[in-house]
Amino acid sequence: MSQSESPNRPVRANLVDQVVGCLRERLEDGTWTDFLPSEGEICKDLGVSRGTLRRALGTLFDEGLLIQGGRGARHEVSKEVVPAQPAPSSSRKASQLVRILSSHPRFILGGQTQVILQVVSEALGRAGYHLEFDYHPGLWSLRRPATTLSKITDCPNTAAWLLYRPTQQIQEWFSKSDIPAVAIGDVFPGVVLSHAGFDLPAACRHAVGLLASRGRRSLAFLTVTNSTAGDLACVAAFKEACAQLGLEANCLEYDDTLDGLCHTLDSLLAKTPRPDGYLAAFANHVPATIGHLNRRGCRVPEDAAVISRLDARLLAESIPSIARYEADEERLGRCLARLLLQEIENEKKGVPRSHWILPEFVDGDSAKSSSS
């Protein structure tokens, strides 16, 4: 199933408000005209709990947009809902849209990604294009997505696609097609696509050197399953840097849940010797990483140092302060917009362009040496 969202909507701090906005858009764009899908289907689609969904639905019941169904019955769309009519296209370019292809709805993406996409939207808007968000949860699990991608990309008035965390199969399909597309981050070997991103492999190499200089000898890199090309490049850079310095390297994947993360950490803590330095791929799991290590008796930073490969606002407000890598999201957004416009304008067709932005290290208590 595909849904579209406007990236110009402000990011709300309250998750219930975000879900209300998402549901309201689906009502207004005519996605649901008679009855909503079951609550279980909506929860799975949006990645939220049933309690969060029901609080959001309560708001729409109060507004008269939905009629609550009885036990076991689906909620009904009120007759007062009038689907929004598409704006006339005569004042826009024939190919007026640039679409973002993602496995997740926009409102659950991290703050760093939100900034990047907002800058892309603004830059494309000045050039006369409108950015829309398309998410297709099932696409990322397909080993042969060609048929599905052909249907997805058969969209009127679409000038180009921006690919967010695409799989190798998705990258290869766009690489072989004549459809203008740009990938966020790295690309897999053999893929011919323009792309831009943060130089995270360089950050990984720097992190290894820093941890070694602070007396850490057994290091671990934690990332999630379904790794992107950039994630795999980071694993290779991490292992290479550890080998050059004679350090033990542990690279483990988990299923992007807290339970999966904790299980992976427990497996590392059972090793002899235990890792004494951790590099976490994703900022949102860094506090949980530190908390779990501490509750297992592995004190941070006395027994193990922790560094985040990415930045997030929550890290700047954490105790202990978190060592992390900051990057210029606005600069990356401008680079991606420029690449998209070059693809649309057919500049040097078939010649991929790339741009890398080097992150800057921000030290923190979580990465102090054990003797500090």
Protein backbone atom coordinates (compact mmCIF):
# COMPACT_ATOMS: atom_id res chain seq x y z
CA MET A 1 0.00 0.00 0.00
CA SER A 2 1.23 3.47 -0.81
CA GLN A 3 0.42 6.67 0.97
CA SER A 4 1.51 10.21 0.21
CA GLU A 5 2.29 12.87 2.76
CA SER A 6 3.17 16.52 2.41
CA PRO A 7 6.68 17.17 3.77
CA ASN A 8 5.77 20.81 4.33
CA ARG A 9 3.64 19.94 7.35
CA PRO A 10 5.34 21.01 10.61
CA VAL A 11 6.78 18.23 12.71
CA ARG A 12 4.64 17.83 15.83
CA ALA A 13 6.17 17.01 19.17
CA ASN A 14 3.21 14.85 20.27
CA LEU A 15 2.89 11.42 18.62
CA VAL A 16 -0.91 11.43 18.95
CA ASP A 17 -1.04 14.76 17.10
CA GLN A 18 1.13 13.30 14.35
CA VAL A 19 -1.19 10.33 13.95
CA VAL A 20 -4.25 12.64 13.90
CA GLY A 21 -2.64 14.62 11.08
CA CYS A 22 -1.81 11.49 9.14
CA LEU A 23 -5.34 10.08 9.48
CA ARG A 24 -6.92 13.41 8.57
CA GLU A 25 -4.84 13.59 5.39
CA ARG A 26 -6.00 10.15 4.31
CA LEU A 27 -9.60 11.18 4.81
CA GLU A 28 -9.13 14.41 2.88
CA ASP A 29 -7.23 12.85 -0.04
CA GLY A 30 -9.89 10.18 -0.48
CA THR A 31 -7.80 7.18 0.58
CA TRP A 32 -10.66 6.13 2.86
CA THR A 33 -14.14 6.98 1.60
CA ASP A 34 -16.53 4.60 3.40
CA PHE A 35 -14.82 2.68 6.19
CA LEU A 36 -11.37 2.68 7.77
CA PRO A 37 -9.24 -0.47 7.75
CA SER A 38 -9.16 -2.39 11.02
CA GLU A 39 -7.31 -0.79 13.94
CA GLY A 40 -4.76 -3.58 13.78
CA GLU A 41 -4.00 -2.84 10.12
CA ILE A 42 -3.64 0.88 10.77
CA CYS A 43 -1.34 0.29 13.76
CA LYS A 44 0.90 -1.97 11.68
CA ASP A 45 0.93 0.48 8.79
CA LEU A 46 1.83 3.50 10.93
CA GLY A 47 4.05 1.70 13.41
CA VAL A 48 2.17 2.93 16.48
CA SER A 49 0.48 1.25 19.44
CA ARG A 50 -3.28 0.65 19.62
CA GLY A 51 -3.53 3.06 22.56
CA THR A 52 -1.91 5.86 20.55
CA LEU A 53 -4.17 5.16 17.58
CA ARG A 54 -7.32 5.17 19.71
CA ARG A 55 -6.45 8.54 21.27
CA ALA A 56 -5.97 9.92 17.76
CA LEU A 57 -9.24 8.39 16.58
CA GLY A 58 -10.99 9.98 19.57
CA THR A 59 -10.03 13.41 18.27
CA LEU A 60 -11.54 12.62 14.85
CA PHE A 61 -14.71 11.25 16.47
CA ASP A 62 -15.05 14.53 18.40
CA GLU A 63 -14.53 16.53 15.17
CA GLY A 64 -17.27 14.57 13.43
CA LEU A 65 -14.94 13.22 10.74
CA LEU A 66 -15.44 9.61 11.82
CA ILE A 67 -18.34 7.58 13.22
CA GLN A 68 -17.22 5.07 15.82
CA GLY A 69 -17.97 1.45 15.01
CA GLY A 70 -19.31 -0.98 17.56
CA ARG A 71 -17.50 -4.01 18.91
CA GLY A 72 -15.81 -5.78 16.02
CA ALA A 73 -17.05 -3.19 13.50
CA ARG A 74 -14.87 -0.82 11.51
CA HIS A 75 -15.10 2.93 11.98
CA GLU A 76 -17.12 4.77 9.34
CA VAL A 77 -16.10 7.89 7.42
CA SER A 78 -18.56 10.70 8.03
CA LYS A 79 -20.50 12.11 5.07
CA GLU A 80 -19.21 15.52 6.14
CA VAL A 81 -15.74 14.63 4.87
CA VAL A 82 -15.20 16.17 1.46
CA PRO A 83 -12.04 14.87 -0.28
CA ALA A 84 -9.74 17.68 -1.31
CA GLN A 85 -9.73 18.41 -5.04
CA PRO A 86 -6.36 18.42 -6.77
CA ALA A 87 -5.09 21.85 -7.62
CA PRO A 88 -5.14 22.78 -11.32
CA SER A 89 -1.88 21.79 -12.97
CA SER A 90 -1.90 24.36 -15.75
CA SER A 91 0.31 26.75 -13.76
CA ARG A 92 2.92 24.10 -13.01
CA LYS A 93 5.43 22.25 -15.12
CA ALA A 94 4.23 19.12 -16.90
CA SER A 95 6.50 17.04 -14.65
CA GLN A 96 5.77 18.87 -11.44
CA LEU A 97 6.41 16.32 -8.68
CA VAL A 98 9.48 14.81 -7.08
CA ARG A 99 8.61 11.79 -4.96
CA ILE A 100 10.46 10.35 -1.96
CA LEU A 101 10.44 6.54 -1.86
CA SER A 102 10.59 5.16 1.69
CA SER A 103 9.66 2.10 3.73
CA HIS A 104 8.30 4.28 6.57
CA PRO A 105 5.81 7.16 6.78
CA ARG A 106 7.48 10.51 7.07
CA PHE A 107 6.23 11.45 10.52
CA ILE A 108 8.19 8.66 12.27
CA LEU A 109 11.54 9.55 10.67
CA GLY A 110 14.18 11.14 12.89
CA GLY A 111 14.63 14.87 13.35
CA GLN A 112 17.85 14.91 11.31
CA THR A 113 16.09 13.36 8.31
CA GLN A 114 13.14 15.74 8.71
CA VAL A 115 15.47 18.73 8.39
CA ILE A 116 17.12 17.27 5.29
CA LEU A 117 13.79 16.67 3.56
CA GLN A 118 12.47 20.10 4.49
CA VAL A 119 15.49 21.76 2.89
CA VAL A 120 15.07 19.58 -0.22
CA SER A 121 11.40 20.58 -0.39
CA GLU A 122 12.17 24.28 -0.12
CA ALA A 123 14.93 24.16 -2.75
CA LEU A 124 12.78 22.22 -5.22
CA GLY A 125 9.86 24.55 -4.55
CA ARG A 126 11.94 27.51 -5.69
CA ALA A 127 12.57 25.62 -8.95
CA GLY A 128 8.84 24.97 -9.46
CA TYR A 129 8.62 21.41 -8.15
CA HIS A 130 6.56 19.96 -5.32
CA LEU A 131 7.95 17.21 -3.06
CA GLU A 132 5.66 14.33 -2.08
CA PHE A 133 6.31 11.39 0.22
CA ASP A 134 5.45 7.85 -0.89
CA TYR A 135 5.95 4.96 1.49
CA HIS A 136 5.65 1.32 0.54
CA PRO A 137 6.26 -0.93 3.56
CA GLY A 138 6.22 -4.21 1.64
CA LEU A 139 8.65 -3.13 -1.09
CA TRP A 140 11.73 -3.40 1.12
CA SER A 141 11.16 -7.12 1.75
CA LEU A 142 10.95 -8.08 -1.94
CA ARG A 143 13.95 -9.81 -3.46
CA ARG A 144 12.61 -9.14 -6.95
CA PRO A 145 10.82 -5.78 -6.78
CA ALA A 146 10.82 -5.02 -10.52
CA THR A 147 7.09 -5.54 -11.10
CA THR A 148 6.10 -3.59 -8.00
CA LEU A 149 8.51 -0.75 -8.81
CA SER A 150 7.15 -0.51 -12.35
CA LYS A 151 3.66 0.03 -10.91
CA ILE A 152 4.84 2.43 -8.21
CA THR A 153 6.76 4.64 -10.62
CA ASP A 154 3.95 4.77 -13.16
CA CYS A 155 2.87 8.14 -11.77
CA PRO A 156 1.71 11.14 -13.80
CA ASN A 157 3.59 14.41 -13.54
CA THR A 158 6.56 12.87 -11.70
CA ALA A 159 9.94 14.31 -12.65
CA ALA A 160 12.25 12.32 -10.35
CA TRP A 161 12.55 10.09 -7.28
CA LEU A 162 14.53 10.54 -4.08
CA LEU A 163 15.40 7.17 -2.54
CA TYR A 164 15.54 6.93 1.27
CA ARG A 165 17.54 3.94 2.62
CA PRO A 166 16.94 1.88 -0.56
CA THR A 167 17.84 -1.80 -0.70
CA GLN A 168 20.33 -3.10 -3.24
CA GLN A 169 17.51 -4.45 -5.40
CA ILE A 170 15.76 -1.07 -5.45
CA GLN A 171 18.97 0.75 -6.32
CA GLU A 172 19.74 -1.70 -9.12
CA TRP A 173 16.27 -1.31 -10.63
CA PHE A 174 16.48 2.51 -10.74
CA SER A 175 20.07 2.26 -12.01
CA LYS A 176 18.90 0.27 -15.04
CA SER A 177 15.81 2.38 -15.69
CA ASP A 178 15.56 5.71 -17.47
CA ILE A 179 13.81 7.28 -14.47
CA PRO A 180 15.71 10.19 -12.88
CA ALA A 181 16.58 9.23 -9.30
CA VAL A 182 18.96 10.19 -6.51
CA ALA A 183 19.85 8.07 -3.47
CA ILE A 184 20.37 9.43 0.03
CA GLY A 185 23.62 7.89 1.23
CA ASP A 186 25.94 5.41 -0.45
CA VAL A 187 25.20 3.05 -3.32
CA PHE A 188 26.00 -0.63 -3.74
CA PRO A 189 28.82 -1.80 -6.04
CA GLY A 190 27.83 -1.73 -9.69
CA VAL A 191 24.95 0.70 -9.15
CA VAL A 192 25.00 3.82 -11.31
CA LEU A 193 23.02 6.44 -9.39
CA SER A 194 23.75 9.95 -8.25
CA HIS A 195 23.87 10.13 -4.47
CA ALA A 196 24.84 12.32 -1.55
CA GLY A 197 25.21 11.72 2.15
CA PHE A 198 27.31 12.03 5.26
CA ASP A 199 30.74 10.37 5.13
CA LEU A 200 29.91 7.92 7.91
CA PRO A 201 32.70 5.44 7.04
CA ALA A 202 35.15 8.27 7.79
CA ALA A 203 33.41 8.80 11.13
CA CYS A 204 33.76 5.08 11.89
CA ARG A 205 37.48 5.14 11.16
CA HIS A 206 37.89 8.20 13.37
CA ALA A 207 35.91 6.58 16.19
CA VAL A 208 38.15 3.50 16.13
CA GLY A 209 41.28 5.64 16.35
CA LEU A 210 39.81 7.74 19.15
CA LEU A 211 38.77 4.73 21.20
CA ALA A 212 42.18 3.14 20.71
CA SER A 213 43.89 6.32 21.87
CA ARG A 214 41.82 6.14 25.05
CA GLY A 215 42.90 2.64 25.90
CA ARG A 216 40.03 0.65 24.44
CA ARG A 217 41.14 -2.65 22.87
CA SER A 218 37.99 -4.66 22.04
CA LEU A 219 35.44 -2.69 20.02
CA ALA A 220 31.88 -3.33 18.84
CA PHE A 221 29.86 -1.74 16.05
CA LEU A 222 26.08 -2.02 16.46
CA THR A 223 23.76 -1.61 13.48
CA VAL A 224 20.36 -2.86 12.38
CA THR A 225 19.41 -5.62 9.97
CA ASN A 226 18.54 -4.80 6.34
CA SER A 227 21.68 -2.72 6.14
CA THR A 228 22.02 -0.08 3.45
CA ALA A 229 25.07 0.35 1.25
CA GLY A 230 26.26 3.03 3.67
CA ASP A 231 25.87 0.72 6.66
CA LEU A 232 27.89 -1.99 4.93
CA ALA A 233 30.60 0.55 4.04
CA CYS A 234 30.73 1.53 7.71
CA VAL A 235 31.17 -2.09 8.78
CA ALA A 236 34.05 -2.49 6.32
CA ALA A 237 35.68 0.76 7.47
CA PHE A 238 35.30 -0.22 11.12
CA LYS A 239 36.88 -3.64 10.60
CA GLU A 240 39.72 -2.24 8.51
CA ALA A 241 40.55 0.44 11.09
CA CYS A 242 40.52 -2.11 13.91
CA ALA A 243 42.80 -4.45 11.95
CA GLN A 244 45.28 -1.66 11.27
CA LEU A 245 45.50 -0.88 15.01
CA GLY A 246 45.49 -4.49 16.19
CA LEU A 247 42.10 -4.19 17.92
CA GLU A 248 39.40 -6.82 18.21
CA ALA A 249 36.38 -5.93 16.04
CA ASN A 250 32.82 -7.12 16.73
CA CYS A 251 30.18 -6.10 14.18
CA LEU A 252 26.65 -7.17 15.07
CA GLU A 253 23.18 -6.51 13.63
CA TYR A 254 19.89 -6.45 15.53
CA ASP A 255 16.27 -6.17 14.44
CA ASP A 256 15.75 -2.47 15.21
CA THR A 257 13.87 -3.14 18.45
CA LEU A 258 14.94 -2.56 22.04
CA ASP A 259 14.61 -6.28 22.75
CA GLY A 260 16.84 -7.04 19.79
CA LEU A 261 19.37 -4.46 20.92
CA CYS A 262 19.46 -5.77 24.50
CA HIS A 263 19.83 -9.37 23.30
CA THR A 264 22.76 -8.35 21.11
CA LEU A 265 24.41 -6.46 23.95
CA ASP A 266 24.01 -9.48 26.23
CA SER A 267 25.75 -11.66 23.66
CA LEU A 268 28.67 -9.22 23.61
CA LEU A 269 28.83 -9.03 27.39
CA ALA A 270 29.11 -12.83 27.51
CA LYS A 271 32.34 -12.70 25.50
CA THR A 272 35.80 -12.89 27.03
CA PRO A 273 37.12 -10.29 27.00
CA ARG A 274 34.09 -8.02 26.97
CA PRO A 275 34.12 -5.17 24.46
CA ASP A 276 35.25 -1.95 26.12
CA GLY A 277 34.27 0.38 23.29
CA TYR A 278 30.96 0.65 21.41
CA LEU A 279 30.01 2.55 18.26
CA ALA A 280 26.21 2.72 17.83
CA ALA A 281 24.96 3.28 14.30
CA PHE A 282 21.69 4.98 15.27
CA ALA A 283 21.30 7.79 17.76
CA ASN A 284 17.84 6.82 19.00
CA HIS A 285 19.21 3.60 20.54
CA VAL A 286 22.26 5.12 22.24
CA PRO A 287 20.54 5.94 25.58
CA ALA A 288 19.16 2.40 25.71
CA THR A 289 22.61 1.02 24.94
CA ILE A 290 24.15 2.92 27.84
CA GLY A 291 21.27 2.07 30.16
CA HIS A 292 21.45 -1.65 29.40
CA LEU A 293 25.23 -1.79 29.80
CA ASN A 294 24.98 -0.05 33.16
CA ARG A 295 22.25 -2.35 34.47
CA ARG A 296 24.37 -5.34 33.48
CA GLY A 297 27.23 -4.00 35.57
CA CYS A 298 29.23 -2.63 32.64
CA ARG A 299 29.69 0.99 33.69
CA VAL A 300 29.89 3.77 31.09
CA PRO A 301 32.52 5.11 30.67
CA GLU A 302 34.52 3.34 33.40
CA ASP A 303 34.20 -0.14 31.86
CA ALA A 304 33.14 0.72 28.31
CA ALA A 305 32.99 3.81 26.13
CA VAL A 306 30.02 4.54 23.86
CA ILE A 307 29.97 6.77 20.75
CA SER A 308 27.02 7.52 18.47
CA ARG A 309 27.65 7.49 14.71
CA LEU A 310 24.83 10.02 14.25
CA ASP A 311 23.47 12.98 16.18
CA ALA A 312 20.05 13.71 17.66
CA ARG A 313 18.68 16.36 19.97
CA LEU A 314 18.15 13.85 22.77
CA LEU A 315 21.88 13.09 22.89
CA ALA A 316 22.77 16.69 23.70
CA GLU A 317 20.48 16.54 26.74
CA SER A 318 21.61 13.14 28.05
CA ILE A 319 23.50 12.32 31.23
CA PRO A 320 26.28 11.35 30.82
CA SER A 321 26.85 13.58 27.81
CA ILE A 322 27.08 11.47 24.65
CA ALA A 323 30.06 11.49 22.30
CA ARG A 324 28.68 11.73 18.78
CA TYR A 325 29.17 12.92 15.21
CA GLU A 326 27.36 16.04 14.06
CA ALA A 327 26.69 16.73 10.39
CA ASP A 328 25.22 19.64 8.45
CA GLU A 329 21.69 18.49 7.53
CA GLU A 330 20.87 21.68 5.64
CA ARG A 331 23.94 21.36 3.48
CA LEU A 332 23.04 17.78 2.59
CA GLY A 333 19.49 18.86 1.74
CA ARG A 334 20.82 21.48 -0.66
CA CYS A 335 23.16 18.93 -2.28
CA LEU A 336 20.34 16.42 -2.79
CA ALA A 337 18.09 19.08 -4.33
CA ARG A 338 20.85 20.14 -6.70
CA LEU A 339 21.45 16.53 -7.79
CA LEU A 340 17.72 16.02 -8.37
CA LEU A 341 17.48 19.11 -10.56
CA GLN A 342 20.53 17.97 -12.53
CA GLU A 343 18.89 14.59 -13.10
CA ILE A 344 15.63 16.22 -14.16
CA GLU A 345 17.40 18.56 -16.56
CA ASN A 346 19.25 15.56 -18.03
CA GLU A 347 22.71 16.98 -17.37
CA LYS A 348 25.38 14.38 -18.23
CA LYS A 349 22.85 11.56 -18.45
CA GLY A 350 24.34 8.25 -17.28
CA VAL A 351 27.18 9.92 -15.39
CA PRO A 352 26.52 9.55 -11.65
CA ARG A 353 27.44 12.40 -9.35
CA SER A 354 28.17 12.11 -5.65
CA HIS A 355 28.76 14.46 -2.76
CA TRP A 356 29.98 13.61 0.73
CA ILE A 357 29.79 15.74 3.86
CA LEU A 358 32.27 14.98 6.62
CA PRO A 359 30.71 14.79 10.10
CA GLU A 360 32.33 16.62 13.02
CA PHE A 361 33.12 14.82 16.27
CA VAL A 362 31.56 16.17 19.46
CA ASP A 363 33.20 14.71 22.55
CA GLY A 364 31.22 13.59 25.56
CA ASP A 365 31.52 11.84 28.89
CA SER A 366 30.35 8.54 27.37
CA ALA A 367 33.65 8.18 25.50
CA LYS A 368 36.09 9.24 28.23
CA SER A 369 39.00 6.93 28.98
CA SER A 370 38.59 4.64 31.96
CA SER A 371 41.31 6.52 33.85
CA SER A 372 39.71 9.97 33.41
